[in-house]
Amino acid sequence: ESDLRQHVTHYATNVNKGDAVISEAGNRWQSHLDTGKWECHQHNFWVQPPPMWNMPLPLRTELSQNCDLAFVKGDANYRRLLGDLEWNMSDPFQQVVGDYFPCPVCALRTLKAEVGCGMREELVVRAKGLDENWSTNGRFGVVHFSRGHGL
């Protein structure tokens, strides 16, 4: 929760002052947190190494019944979504993650390991052409969405 709140505060105060859209978004997000429109629920599972499909049943049930959208951020958590297994980079995110995740999920990730999915083949080819270490050096990232599956 503290990480989320730090990010929202950073956006709301817009340290760089370069883009009004950033501070507007941050202020809107802060309002959502302050009014309870958005809720952040901590659970020890989120900081553990098992694949996300090994989510404890009580947490899975809570997300399925009460969560309109879960955000999973960072390379390690993204890799947990994929079980840290080697998927074809073009395998659909909905098929790889959405078929088991209990609610809609948005994954935010900077590529730092050769594990991924949900990328259009032509973009993978383009990234490889721009940088031979494209999938491991943090130069590229992905934002994926899945409608989830439920219980």
C-alpha atoms as a PDB file:
ATOM      1  CA  GLU A   1       0.000   0.000   0.000  1.00  0.00           C
ATOM      2  CA  SER A   2       2.803   2.436   0.820  1.00  0.00           C
ATOM      3  CA  ASP A   3       4.290   1.890  -2.654  1.00  0.00           C
ATOM      4  CA  LEU A   4       0.942   2.708  -4.288  1.00  0.00           C
ATOM      5  CA  ARG A   5       0.481   5.821  -2.171  1.00  0.00           C
ATOM      6  CA  GLN A   6       4.030   7.029  -2.910  1.00  0.00           C
ATOM      7  CA  HIS A   7       3.404   6.657  -6.641  1.00  0.00           C
ATOM      8  CA  VAL A   8       0.089   8.509  -6.453  1.00  0.00           C
ATOM      9  CA  THR A   9       1.679  11.329  -4.435  1.00  0.00           C
ATOM     10  CA  HIS A  10       4.540  11.535  -6.923  1.00  0.00           C
ATOM     11  CA  TYR A  11       2.109  11.915  -9.805  1.00  0.00           C
ATOM     12  CA  ALA A  12      -0.138  14.346  -7.915  1.00  0.00           C
ATOM     13  CA  THR A  13       2.768  16.634  -7.034  1.00  0.00           C
ATOM     14  CA  ASN A  14       4.236  16.172 -10.523  1.00  0.00           C
ATOM     15  CA  VAL A  15       7.836  16.711  -9.496  1.00  0.00           C
ATOM     16  CA  ASN A  16       8.890  17.525 -13.061  1.00  0.00           C
ATOM     17  CA  LYS A  17       5.990  19.977 -13.555  1.00  0.00           C
ATOM     18  CA  GLY A  18       6.248  19.180 -17.236  1.00  0.00           C
ATOM     19  CA  ASP A  19       2.829  17.772 -17.938  1.00  0.00           C
ATOM     20  CA  ALA A  20      -0.485  18.857 -16.410  1.00  0.00           C
ATOM     21  CA  VAL A  21      -2.056  15.515 -17.367  1.00  0.00           C
ATOM     22  CA  ILE A  22       0.257  13.746 -14.918  1.00  0.00           C
ATOM     23  CA  SER A  23      -0.732  15.870 -11.938  1.00  0.00           C
ATOM     24  CA  GLU A  24      -4.415  15.731 -12.940  1.00  0.00           C
ATOM     25  CA  ALA A  25      -4.242  11.935 -12.996  1.00  0.00           C
ATOM     26  CA  GLY A  26      -2.390  11.847  -9.682  1.00  0.00           C
ATOM     27  CA  ASN A  27      -4.945  14.138  -8.039  1.00  0.00           C
ATOM     28  CA  ARG A  28      -7.831  12.072  -9.424  1.00  0.00           C
ATOM     29  CA  TRP A  29      -6.212   8.861  -8.146  1.00  0.00           C
ATOM     30  CA  GLN A  30      -5.623  10.479  -4.740  1.00  0.00           C
ATOM     31  CA  SER A  31      -9.293  11.431  -4.620  1.00  0.00           C
ATOM     32  CA  HIS A  32     -10.270   7.832  -5.450  1.00  0.00           C
ATOM     33  CA  LEU A  33      -8.136   6.581  -2.546  1.00  0.00           C
ATOM     34  CA  ASP A  34      -9.390   9.296  -0.154  1.00  0.00           C
ATOM     35  CA  THR A  35     -13.072   8.638  -0.907  1.00  0.00           C
ATOM     36  CA  GLY A  36     -12.791   4.848  -0.889  1.00  0.00           C
ATOM     37  CA  LYS A  37     -13.601   4.505  -4.587  1.00  0.00           C
ATOM     38  CA  TRP A  38     -10.259   2.724  -4.822  1.00  0.00           C
ATOM     39  CA  GLU A  39      -9.135   0.381  -2.087  1.00  0.00           C
ATOM     40  CA  CYS A  40      -5.740  -1.160  -1.576  1.00  0.00           C
ATOM     41  CA  HIS A  41      -5.657  -4.496   0.228  1.00  0.00           C
ATOM     42  CA  GLN A  42      -2.315  -5.859   1.347  1.00  0.00           C
ATOM     43  CA  HIS A  43      -1.749  -9.608   1.518  1.00  0.00           C
ATOM     44  CA  ASN A  44       1.444 -11.501   2.232  1.00  0.00           C
ATOM     45  CA  PHE A  45       0.972 -13.546  -0.964  1.00  0.00           C
ATOM     46  CA  TRP A  46       1.826 -10.497  -3.104  1.00  0.00           C
ATOM     47  CA  VAL A  47       5.410 -10.472  -1.813  1.00  0.00           C
ATOM     48  CA  GLN A  48       6.058 -14.221  -2.028  1.00  0.00           C
ATOM     49  CA  PRO A  49       7.670 -16.165  -4.915  1.00  0.00           C
ATOM     50  CA  PRO A  50       5.004 -18.776  -5.874  1.00  0.00           C
ATOM     51  CA  PRO A  51       3.284 -18.440  -9.251  1.00  0.00           C
ATOM     52  CA  MET A  52       0.063 -16.439  -9.155  1.00  0.00           C
ATOM     53  CA  TRP A  53      -1.977 -19.522 -10.033  1.00  0.00           C
ATOM     54  CA  ASN A  54      -1.036 -20.813  -6.547  1.00  0.00           C
ATOM     55  CA  MET A  55      -2.949 -17.940  -4.970  1.00  0.00           C
ATOM     56  CA  PRO A  56      -4.585 -18.968  -1.666  1.00  0.00           C
ATOM     57  CA  LEU A  57      -8.299 -19.678  -1.998  1.00  0.00           C
ATOM     58  CA  PRO A  58      -9.414 -16.925   0.450  1.00  0.00           C
ATOM     59  CA  LEU A  59      -7.495 -14.282  -1.555  1.00  0.00           C
ATOM     60  CA  ARG A  60      -8.745 -15.721  -4.868  1.00  0.00           C
ATOM     61  CA  THR A  61     -12.314 -15.584  -3.565  1.00  0.00           C
ATOM     62  CA  GLU A  62     -11.920 -12.016  -2.291  1.00  0.00           C
ATOM     63  CA  LEU A  63     -10.590 -10.840  -5.664  1.00  0.00           C
ATOM     64  CA  SER A  64     -13.258 -12.725  -7.599  1.00  0.00           C
ATOM     65  CA  GLN A  65     -16.083 -11.276  -5.516  1.00  0.00           C
ATOM     66  CA  ASN A  66     -14.824  -7.781  -4.693  1.00  0.00           C
ATOM     67  CA  CYS A  67     -12.216  -6.590  -7.171  1.00  0.00           C
ATOM     68  CA  ASP A  68     -13.137  -4.759 -10.373  1.00  0.00           C
ATOM     69  CA  LEU A  69      -9.491  -4.472 -11.478  1.00  0.00           C
ATOM     70  CA  ALA A  70      -6.224  -5.670  -9.957  1.00  0.00           C
ATOM     71  CA  PHE A  71      -2.906  -4.088 -10.902  1.00  0.00           C
ATOM     72  CA  VAL A  72       0.211  -6.240 -10.911  1.00  0.00           C
ATOM     73  CA  LYS A  73       3.389  -4.277 -11.418  1.00  0.00           C
ATOM     74  CA  GLY A  74       7.044  -5.003 -11.804  1.00  0.00           C
ATOM     75  CA  ASP A  75       9.159  -7.601 -13.514  1.00  0.00           C
ATOM     76  CA  ALA A  76       9.126 -10.157 -10.694  1.00  0.00           C
ATOM     77  CA  ASN A  77       5.336 -10.056 -10.275  1.00  0.00           C
ATOM     78  CA  TYR A  78       4.809 -10.247 -14.033  1.00  0.00           C
ATOM     79  CA  ARG A  79       7.026 -13.305 -14.142  1.00  0.00           C
ATOM     80  CA  ARG A  80       4.931 -14.776 -11.313  1.00  0.00           C
ATOM     81  CA  LEU A  81       1.825 -14.223 -13.471  1.00  0.00           C
ATOM     82  CA  LEU A  82       3.504 -16.347 -16.148  1.00  0.00           C
ATOM     83  CA  GLY A  83       4.901 -18.864 -13.645  1.00  0.00           C
ATOM     84  CA  ASP A  84       8.367 -17.762 -14.786  1.00  0.00           C
ATOM     85  CA  LEU A  85       7.884 -20.190 -17.672  1.00  0.00           C
ATOM     86  CA  GLU A  86       8.929 -19.746 -21.285  1.00  0.00           C
ATOM     87  CA  TRP A  87       5.869 -18.769 -23.334  1.00  0.00           C
ATOM     88  CA  ASN A  88       5.806 -17.706 -26.947  1.00  0.00           C
ATOM     89  CA  MET A  89       6.033 -13.913 -26.848  1.00  0.00           C
ATOM     90  CA  SER A  90       2.908 -13.721 -29.028  1.00  0.00           C
ATOM     91  CA  ASP A  91       0.758 -16.065 -26.895  1.00  0.00           C
ATOM     92  CA  PRO A  92      -2.291 -13.997 -25.849  1.00  0.00           C
ATOM     93  CA  PHE A  93      -2.134 -12.591 -22.310  1.00  0.00           C
ATOM     94  CA  GLN A  94      -5.786 -13.540 -21.823  1.00  0.00           C
ATOM     95  CA  GLN A  95      -4.965 -17.171 -22.586  1.00  0.00           C
ATOM     96  CA  VAL A  96      -1.803 -17.287 -20.445  1.00  0.00           C
ATOM     97  CA  VAL A  97      -3.056 -15.279 -17.435  1.00  0.00           C
ATOM     98  CA  GLY A  98      -6.721 -14.468 -17.873  1.00  0.00           C
ATOM     99  CA  ASP A  99      -7.808 -18.078 -17.983  1.00  0.00           C
ATOM    100  CA  TYR A 100      -6.843 -18.505 -14.309  1.00  0.00           C
ATOM    101  CA  PHE A 101      -6.697 -15.034 -12.727  1.00  0.00           C
ATOM    102  CA  PRO A 102      -9.809 -14.482 -10.573  1.00  0.00           C
ATOM    103  CA  CYS A 103     -10.656 -10.920 -11.677  1.00  0.00           C
ATOM    104  CA  PRO A 104      -9.750  -8.384 -14.357  1.00  0.00           C
ATOM    105  CA  VAL A 105      -6.026  -7.636 -14.175  1.00  0.00           C
ATOM    106  CA  CYS A 106      -3.683  -5.021 -15.604  1.00  0.00           C
ATOM    107  CA  ALA A 107       0.015  -5.940 -15.651  1.00  0.00           C
ATOM    108  CA  LEU A 108       2.643  -3.195 -15.856  1.00  0.00           C
ATOM    109  CA  ARG A 109       6.190  -4.336 -16.553  1.00  0.00           C
ATOM    110  CA  THR A 110       9.586  -3.165 -17.720  1.00  0.00           C
ATOM    111  CA  LEU A 111      11.190  -6.068 -19.580  1.00  0.00           C
ATOM    112  CA  LYS A 112      14.120  -7.399 -17.564  1.00  0.00           C
ATOM    113  CA  ALA A 113      13.916 -11.152 -18.222  1.00  0.00           C
ATOM    114  CA  GLU A 114      13.341 -13.337 -21.262  1.00  0.00           C
ATOM    115  CA  VAL A 115       9.825 -14.241 -20.155  1.00  0.00           C
ATOM    116  CA  GLY A 116       6.791 -12.705 -21.786  1.00  0.00           C
ATOM    117  CA  CYS A 117       3.587 -13.046 -23.757  1.00  0.00           C
ATOM    118  CA  GLY A 118       0.903 -10.922 -25.363  1.00  0.00           C
ATOM    119  CA  MET A 119       3.238  -9.086 -27.742  1.00  0.00           C
ATOM    120  CA  ARG A 120       2.501  -8.673 -31.417  1.00  0.00           C
ATOM    121  CA  GLU A 121       5.068 -10.565 -33.488  1.00  0.00           C
ATOM    122  CA  GLU A 122       5.961  -7.544 -35.620  1.00  0.00           C
ATOM    123  CA  LEU A 123       6.742  -5.502 -32.485  1.00  0.00           C
ATOM    124  CA  VAL A 124       8.961  -8.271 -31.133  1.00  0.00           C
ATOM    125  CA  VAL A 125      10.840  -8.333 -34.460  1.00  0.00           C
ATOM    126  CA  ARG A 126      11.150  -4.538 -34.393  1.00  0.00           C
ATOM    127  CA  ALA A 127      12.451  -4.531 -30.797  1.00  0.00           C
ATOM    128  CA  LYS A 128      15.012  -7.233 -31.654  1.00  0.00           C
ATOM    129  CA  GLY A 129      16.161  -5.102 -34.575  1.00  0.00           C
ATOM    130  CA  LEU A 130      16.606  -2.057 -32.358  1.00  0.00           C
ATOM    131  CA  ASP A 131      18.352  -3.802 -29.485  1.00  0.00           C
ATOM    132  CA  GLU A 132      19.626  -7.383 -29.239  1.00  0.00           C
ATOM    133  CA  ASN A 133      19.047  -7.274 -25.450  1.00  0.00           C
ATOM    134  CA  TRP A 134      15.547  -5.845 -25.838  1.00  0.00           C
ATOM    135  CA  SER A 135      13.881  -8.323 -23.465  1.00  0.00           C
ATOM    136  CA  THR A 136      16.361  -8.005 -20.594  1.00  0.00           C
ATOM    137  CA  ASN A 137      17.787  -4.493 -20.354  1.00  0.00           C
ATOM    138  CA  GLY A 138      14.741  -2.486 -19.237  1.00  0.00           C
ATOM    139  CA  ARG A 139      14.527  -0.395 -22.418  1.00  0.00           C
ATOM    140  CA  PHE A 140      11.096  -1.762 -23.329  1.00  0.00           C
ATOM    141  CA  GLY A 141       7.982  -2.469 -21.331  1.00  0.00           C
ATOM    142  CA  VAL A 142       4.462  -3.817 -21.629  1.00  0.00           C
ATOM    143  CA  VAL A 143       1.014  -3.034 -20.311  1.00  0.00           C
ATOM    144  CA  HIS A 144      -1.349  -5.992 -20.520  1.00  0.00           C
ATOM    145  CA  PHE A 145      -5.028  -6.318 -19.648  1.00  0.00           C
ATOM    146  CA  SER A 146      -7.134  -9.404 -19.117  1.00  0.00           C
ATOM    147  CA  ARG A 147     -10.776  -9.686 -18.151  1.00  0.00           C
ATOM    148  CA  GLY A 148      -9.829 -12.557 -15.813  1.00  0.00           C
ATOM    149  CA  HIS A 149     -11.639 -15.800 -15.256  1.00  0.00           C
ATOM    150  CA  GLY A 150     -13.124 -15.919 -11.777  1.00  0.00           C
ATOM    151  CA  LEU A 151     -13.494 -19.051  -9.701  1.00  0.00           C
END
